Amino acid sequence: MASFLMKRFLQAIFVLIAVTLIVAFAIRLTGDPALMLTQEAGSVTEADLMMIREALGINKPFFAQYFDFIKGIFSFDFGRSFMGGTSVSYLISKSLPATLMLAASVMFISIIISIPLGIKAAVSKGKWADQVIRIVSLVGLSFPNFWLALMLVLVFSIWLQWLPPSGMDGFISFLMPAFTMAIILTATNVRLVRSSMLETLQAQYIMVARAKGLSENTVLYKHALRNCAIPLITYFGLQFGGLLGGIVIIERVFNWPGLGTLAFDAVSGRDYPVLQAVITILSMLIVSVNLLVDIAYGLIDPRIRTE
């Protein structure tokens, strides 16, 4: 198990180095922050621009800037924002919990709904319950997330006035952004759970378990679900990683104070330190989720640890 974890950990380190290097290079192709900061200042000389670049630290060679950034990761010091001068670490510490709580809420809602529905559809294959669940999931897949978000705001905030339209203020503010994304994820997950369970329920050991007189819930949830857990865990892990990276649209619609909103503002202002830190933090989270998925593989199936 130790060698298995070490291999996965070294792979994660390599991925993070590659991502940070690519990001550091790519964001410098978006333009000169010195020009962005002085675009409303009228006539600006090249000497003025050079002074601003020196003050921001972007006059150094690329690899010198990159190694400064890497050193800052270990002390959680990402420098200061070009736009406001605020500590980037402070901005991250304010925005990261909001994104993690929202993403975790979405995954929790999706999993607790999709697993029972997917199992019910598999057990009722071809019956009315299966048909209804498949049709509803197909309808859920047809909604673009931004359109669904706007419709929920229109119905629950403007017409009914039950929920706040934006912001993060207590538990009630989680409901619309969490359910907006959970509806779409659940529609996909139900179909995945159904297809995985259909294949597993045809296995011989399921028939043996039923022949022993085990309850249907024991057969379904203890034996069948566990044996089709590998593809489910894989997909849920990838979903959570994609959720962290793709939550920016929902955060903008609901004015959610998370990393997506912070990244969007940083792109608009060519704020290198903020954008680079946000993408690095998201990359670290996604790599960590994938590492946990690999560990879960080894715990569920010892054969994977051996391989």
Protein backbone atom coordinates (compact mmCIF):
# COMPACT_ATOMS: atom_id res chain seq x y z
CA MET A 1 0.00 0.00 0.00
CA ALA A 2 2.88 2.38 0.80
CA SER A 3 4.45 2.01 -2.65
CA PHE A 4 1.01 2.44 -4.25
CA LEU A 5 0.49 5.74 -2.38
CA MET A 6 4.03 6.93 -3.13
CA LYS A 7 3.56 6.41 -6.87
CA ARG A 8 0.29 8.34 -6.85
CA PHE A 9 1.83 11.12 -4.75
CA LEU A 10 4.79 11.54 -7.12
CA GLN A 11 2.43 11.63 -10.09
CA ALA A 12 0.43 14.36 -8.34
CA ILE A 13 3.56 16.44 -7.72
CA PHE A 14 4.57 16.14 -11.38
CA VAL A 15 1.09 17.23 -12.52
CA LEU A 16 1.15 20.28 -10.22
CA ILE A 17 4.56 21.37 -11.50
CA ALA A 18 3.38 21.04 -15.10
CA VAL A 19 0.15 22.93 -14.42
CA THR A 20 1.80 25.82 -12.56
CA LEU A 21 4.43 26.18 -15.29
CA ILE A 22 1.86 26.21 -18.09
CA VAL A 23 -0.39 28.64 -16.22
CA ALA A 24 2.46 31.00 -15.37
CA PHE A 25 3.44 31.11 -19.04
CA ALA A 26 -0.07 31.31 -20.47
CA ILE A 27 -1.37 34.18 -18.36
CA ARG A 28 1.55 36.35 -19.44
CA LEU A 29 0.25 36.12 -23.01
CA THR A 30 -2.92 38.01 -22.03
CA GLY A 31 -1.31 41.44 -22.01
CA ASP A 32 0.71 43.90 -19.97
CA PRO A 33 -0.75 44.73 -16.52
CA ALA A 34 1.17 48.05 -16.53
CA LEU A 35 -0.81 49.18 -19.58
CA MET A 36 -4.04 48.01 -17.93
CA LEU A 37 -3.33 50.03 -14.81
CA THR A 38 -2.48 53.20 -16.76
CA GLN A 39 -5.11 53.09 -19.50
CA GLU A 40 -7.10 55.90 -17.85
CA ALA A 41 -4.09 57.97 -16.86
CA GLY A 42 -3.70 59.78 -20.20
CA SER A 43 -0.22 60.04 -21.69
CA VAL A 44 2.21 57.60 -20.09
CA THR A 45 5.86 57.35 -21.00
CA GLU A 46 7.83 54.16 -21.40
CA ALA A 47 9.83 55.17 -18.33
CA ASP A 48 6.61 55.28 -16.31
CA LEU A 49 5.67 51.82 -17.55
CA MET A 50 9.10 50.49 -16.62
CA MET A 51 8.72 51.87 -13.08
CA ILE A 52 5.31 50.21 -12.73
CA ARG A 53 6.62 46.87 -14.04
CA GLU A 54 9.49 47.03 -11.57
CA ALA A 55 7.12 47.83 -8.70
CA LEU A 56 4.92 44.87 -9.68
CA GLY A 57 7.90 42.57 -10.12
CA ILE A 58 7.06 41.66 -13.72
CA ASN A 59 10.27 43.08 -15.15
CA LYS A 60 12.19 40.00 -14.00
CA PRO A 61 12.87 37.07 -16.35
CA PHE A 62 10.03 34.57 -16.60
CA PHE A 63 11.71 31.75 -14.66
CA ALA A 64 12.75 34.14 -11.88
CA GLN A 65 9.09 35.12 -11.47
CA TYR A 66 8.05 31.48 -11.63
CA PHE A 67 10.47 30.35 -8.92
CA ASP A 68 9.37 33.24 -6.70
CA PHE A 69 5.81 32.02 -7.11
CA ILE A 70 6.77 28.40 -6.30
CA LYS A 71 8.56 29.53 -3.13
CA GLY A 72 5.47 31.48 -2.16
CA ILE A 73 3.28 28.35 -2.40
CA PHE A 74 5.11 26.70 0.52
CA SER A 75 4.49 29.72 2.76
CA PHE A 76 1.04 30.46 1.30
CA ASP A 77 2.34 33.85 0.19
CA PHE A 78 1.17 34.61 -3.36
CA GLY A 79 2.15 38.26 -3.32
CA ARG A 80 -0.24 41.18 -3.68
CA SER A 81 -3.00 41.93 -6.14
CA PHE A 82 -2.03 44.29 -8.96
CA MET A 83 -5.43 45.96 -8.87
CA GLY A 84 -5.98 46.71 -5.20
CA GLY A 85 -2.72 45.86 -3.46
CA THR A 86 -4.51 43.37 -1.21
CA SER A 87 -2.71 40.22 -0.14
CA VAL A 88 -3.61 37.43 -2.58
CA SER A 89 -3.49 34.90 0.25
CA TYR A 90 -6.14 36.92 2.07
CA LEU A 91 -8.36 36.98 -1.03
CA ILE A 92 -7.94 33.22 -1.45
CA SER A 93 -8.71 32.52 2.22
CA LYS A 94 -11.96 34.50 1.90
CA SER A 95 -13.10 32.90 -1.38
CA LEU A 96 -11.95 29.29 -1.04
CA PRO A 97 -14.36 28.21 1.75
CA ALA A 98 -17.34 29.57 -0.21
CA THR A 99 -16.42 27.54 -3.30
CA LEU A 100 -15.67 24.36 -1.34
CA MET A 101 -18.92 24.56 0.63
CA LEU A 102 -20.94 25.11 -2.52
CA ALA A 103 -19.20 22.30 -4.44
CA ALA A 104 -19.53 19.89 -1.50
CA SER A 105 -23.23 20.75 -1.15
CA VAL A 106 -23.80 20.09 -4.85
CA MET A 107 -22.06 16.70 -4.75
CA PHE A 108 -23.83 15.67 -1.54
CA ILE A 109 -27.26 16.49 -2.95
CA SER A 110 -26.48 14.79 -6.24
CA ILE A 111 -25.14 11.56 -4.69
CA ILE A 112 -27.91 11.05 -2.11
CA ILE A 113 -30.53 11.50 -4.85
CA SER A 114 -28.86 9.72 -7.78
CA ILE A 115 -27.81 6.47 -6.06
CA PRO A 116 -31.30 5.44 -4.82
CA LEU A 117 -32.94 6.57 -8.06
CA GLY A 118 -30.34 4.78 -10.20
CA ILE A 119 -30.75 1.57 -8.20
CA LYS A 120 -34.54 1.83 -8.39
CA ALA A 121 -34.35 2.28 -12.17
CA ALA A 122 -32.04 -0.73 -12.53
CA VAL A 123 -34.21 -2.99 -10.38
CA SER A 124 -37.34 -1.85 -12.24
CA LYS A 125 -35.82 -2.20 -15.71
CA GLY A 126 -38.48 -1.75 -18.38
CA LYS A 127 -41.22 -0.92 -15.86
CA TRP A 128 -42.97 2.43 -15.39
CA ALA A 129 -40.62 3.54 -12.58
CA ASP A 130 -37.61 2.98 -14.84
CA GLN A 131 -39.23 4.88 -17.70
CA VAL A 132 -40.16 7.85 -15.49
CA ILE A 133 -36.68 8.11 -13.94
CA ARG A 134 -34.99 7.91 -17.35
CA ILE A 135 -37.27 10.57 -18.86
CA VAL A 136 -36.79 12.92 -15.91
CA SER A 137 -33.01 12.48 -16.04
CA LEU A 138 -33.00 13.17 -19.78
CA VAL A 139 -34.98 16.37 -19.18
CA GLY A 140 -32.46 17.39 -16.50
CA LEU A 141 -29.59 16.88 -18.93
CA SER A 142 -31.26 19.21 -21.43
CA PHE A 143 -31.05 22.33 -19.25
CA PRO A 144 -28.01 24.64 -19.62
CA ASN A 145 -26.87 25.53 -16.11
CA PHE A 146 -26.95 29.32 -16.65
CA TRP A 147 -30.53 29.14 -18.01
CA LEU A 148 -31.67 26.97 -15.13
CA ALA A 149 -30.04 29.38 -12.67
CA LEU A 150 -31.85 32.37 -14.18
CA MET A 151 -35.18 30.51 -14.17
CA LEU A 152 -34.80 29.60 -10.50
CA VAL A 153 -34.02 33.22 -9.65
CA LEU A 154 -37.07 34.33 -11.64
CA VAL A 155 -39.42 31.87 -9.91
CA PHE A 156 -38.16 31.66 -6.33
CA SER A 157 -36.70 35.15 -5.87
CA ILE A 158 -38.80 37.44 -8.05
CA TRP A 159 -42.22 35.76 -8.30
CA LEU A 160 -42.48 33.84 -5.02
CA GLN A 161 -39.85 35.84 -3.07
CA TRP A 162 -38.91 32.79 -1.04
CA LEU A 163 -35.14 32.83 -1.56
CA PRO A 164 -32.48 35.56 -1.85
CA PRO A 165 -31.43 36.11 -5.49
CA SER A 166 -27.70 36.42 -4.79
CA GLY A 167 -24.99 36.58 -2.19
CA MET A 168 -23.95 34.25 0.62
CA ASP A 169 -25.96 34.86 3.76
CA GLY A 170 -26.77 31.76 5.75
CA PHE A 171 -28.03 28.31 4.80
CA ILE A 172 -30.94 29.56 2.70
CA SER A 173 -28.57 31.24 0.23
CA PHE A 174 -27.05 27.83 -0.61
CA LEU A 175 -30.29 26.38 -1.91
CA MET A 176 -30.61 27.88 -5.39
CA PRO A 177 -26.94 27.69 -6.51
CA ALA A 178 -26.55 24.19 -5.03
CA PHE A 179 -29.73 22.78 -6.57
CA THR A 180 -29.02 24.49 -9.92
CA MET A 181 -25.86 22.44 -10.38
CA ALA A 182 -27.10 19.37 -8.50
CA ILE A 183 -30.06 18.92 -10.86
CA ILE A 184 -27.77 18.64 -13.88
CA LEU A 185 -25.21 16.41 -12.14
CA THR A 186 -27.94 14.16 -10.75
CA ALA A 187 -29.41 13.63 -14.21
CA THR A 188 -26.04 12.27 -15.37
CA ASN A 189 -25.35 10.27 -12.21
CA VAL A 190 -28.71 8.50 -12.22
CA ARG A 191 -28.03 7.11 -15.69
CA LEU A 192 -24.51 6.07 -14.67
CA VAL A 193 -25.68 4.29 -11.50
CA ARG A 194 -28.46 2.57 -13.47
CA SER A 195 -26.11 1.23 -16.18
CA SER A 196 -23.52 0.07 -13.62
CA MET A 197 -26.13 -1.68 -11.48
CA LEU A 198 -27.76 -3.38 -14.49
CA GLU A 199 -24.48 -5.09 -15.32
CA THR A 200 -23.75 -6.01 -11.70
CA LEU A 201 -27.22 -7.41 -10.97
CA GLN A 202 -26.72 -10.04 -13.68
CA ALA A 203 -23.64 -11.46 -11.94
CA GLN A 204 -23.84 -14.95 -10.45
CA TYR A 205 -22.89 -13.90 -6.91
CA ILE A 206 -25.99 -11.68 -6.79
CA MET A 207 -28.18 -14.68 -7.52
CA VAL A 208 -26.31 -16.63 -4.83
CA ALA A 209 -26.84 -13.82 -2.30
CA ARG A 210 -30.56 -13.78 -3.05
CA ALA A 211 -30.70 -17.58 -2.83
CA LYS A 212 -29.24 -17.38 0.69
CA GLY A 213 -32.28 -15.36 1.73
CA LEU A 214 -30.54 -12.01 2.21
CA SER A 215 -32.81 -8.98 2.19
CA GLU A 216 -33.12 -7.06 -1.05
CA ASN A 217 -31.54 -3.94 0.50
CA THR A 218 -28.54 -5.98 1.67
CA VAL A 219 -28.12 -7.47 -1.80
CA LEU A 220 -28.43 -4.11 -3.54
CA TYR A 221 -26.50 -1.80 -1.23
CA LYS A 222 -23.93 -4.09 0.40
CA HIS A 223 -23.06 -6.44 -2.46
CA ALA A 224 -24.11 -4.96 -5.80
CA LEU A 225 -23.37 -1.30 -5.08
CA ARG A 226 -19.96 -2.06 -3.60
CA ASN A 227 -18.92 -4.11 -6.60
CA CYS A 228 -19.86 -1.38 -9.06
CA ALA A 229 -18.30 1.34 -6.88
CA ILE A 230 -15.06 1.70 -8.91
CA PRO A 231 -16.64 3.40 -11.96
CA LEU A 232 -18.95 5.42 -9.71
CA ILE A 233 -16.10 6.71 -7.54
CA THR A 234 -14.09 7.51 -10.67
CA TYR A 235 -16.89 9.54 -12.17
CA PHE A 236 -17.87 11.27 -8.92
CA GLY A 237 -14.23 12.27 -8.38
CA LEU A 238 -13.93 13.66 -11.91
CA GLN A 239 -17.25 15.44 -11.43
CA PHE A 240 -16.11 17.11 -8.24
CA GLY A 241 -12.88 18.24 -9.89
CA GLY A 242 -14.79 19.60 -12.87
CA LEU A 243 -17.25 21.25 -10.50
CA LEU A 244 -14.45 23.16 -8.79
CA GLY A 245 -13.10 24.39 -12.11
CA GLY A 246 -16.42 25.09 -13.83
CA ILE A 247 -18.40 26.73 -11.05
CA VAL A 248 -17.56 30.25 -12.25
CA ILE A 249 -20.80 30.69 -14.25
CA ILE A 250 -23.02 29.81 -11.30
CA GLU A 251 -20.98 32.01 -9.00
CA ARG A 252 -21.40 34.94 -11.39
CA VAL A 253 -25.16 34.43 -11.75
CA PHE A 254 -25.72 34.25 -8.00
CA ASN A 255 -22.94 36.72 -7.09
CA TRP A 256 -21.37 33.98 -4.99
CA PRO A 257 -18.11 35.16 -3.33
CA GLY A 258 -16.01 32.18 -4.40
CA LEU A 259 -12.89 31.44 -6.42
CA GLY A 260 -14.81 31.58 -9.70
CA THR A 261 -15.83 35.19 -9.14
CA LEU A 262 -12.31 36.04 -7.97
CA ALA A 263 -10.80 34.46 -11.11
CA PHE A 264 -13.25 36.24 -13.41
CA ASP A 265 -12.34 39.63 -11.93
CA ALA A 266 -8.62 38.77 -12.15
CA VAL A 267 -8.92 37.92 -15.86
CA SER A 268 -10.69 41.22 -16.52
CA GLY A 269 -7.91 43.16 -14.80
CA ARG A 270 -4.95 41.01 -15.93
CA ASP A 271 -4.16 40.48 -12.26
CA TYR A 272 -1.38 37.89 -12.62
CA PRO A 273 -0.85 37.02 -8.93
CA VAL A 274 -4.56 36.50 -8.21
CA LEU A 275 -5.29 34.49 -11.36
CA GLN A 276 -2.16 32.36 -10.99
CA ALA A 277 -2.93 31.66 -7.33
CA VAL A 278 -6.58 30.76 -8.02
CA ILE A 279 -5.71 28.34 -10.81
CA THR A 280 -2.94 26.79 -8.72
CA ILE A 281 -5.24 26.29 -5.73
CA LEU A 282 -7.93 24.76 -7.96
CA SER A 283 -5.33 22.49 -9.56
CA MET A 284 -4.13 21.35 -6.15
CA LEU A 285 -7.69 20.59 -5.10
CA ILE A 286 -8.43 18.64 -8.29
CA VAL A 287 -5.18 16.66 -7.99
CA SER A 288 -5.95 15.96 -4.32
CA VAL A 289 -9.42 14.68 -5.23
CA ASN A 290 -7.93 12.38 -7.87
CA LEU A 291 -5.37 11.16 -5.34
CA LEU A 292 -8.16 10.38 -2.87
CA VAL A 293 -9.99 8.52 -5.63
CA ASP A 294 -6.88 6.41 -6.26
CA ILE A 295 -6.62 5.68 -2.54
CA ALA A 296 -10.29 4.69 -2.50
CA TYR A 297 -9.57 2.28 -5.36
CA GLY A 298 -6.94 0.55 -3.25
CA LEU A 299 -9.24 0.33 -0.23
CA ILE A 300 -12.17 -1.09 -2.20
CA ASP A 301 -10.22 -3.49 -4.42
CA PRO A 302 -6.91 -4.87 -3.01
CA ARG A 303 -5.99 -6.12 -6.50
CA ILE A 304 -5.43 -2.51 -7.58
CA ARG A 305 -2.92 -1.99 -4.75
CA THR A 306 -1.02 -5.07 -5.91
CA GLU A 307 -0.93 -3.91 -9.53
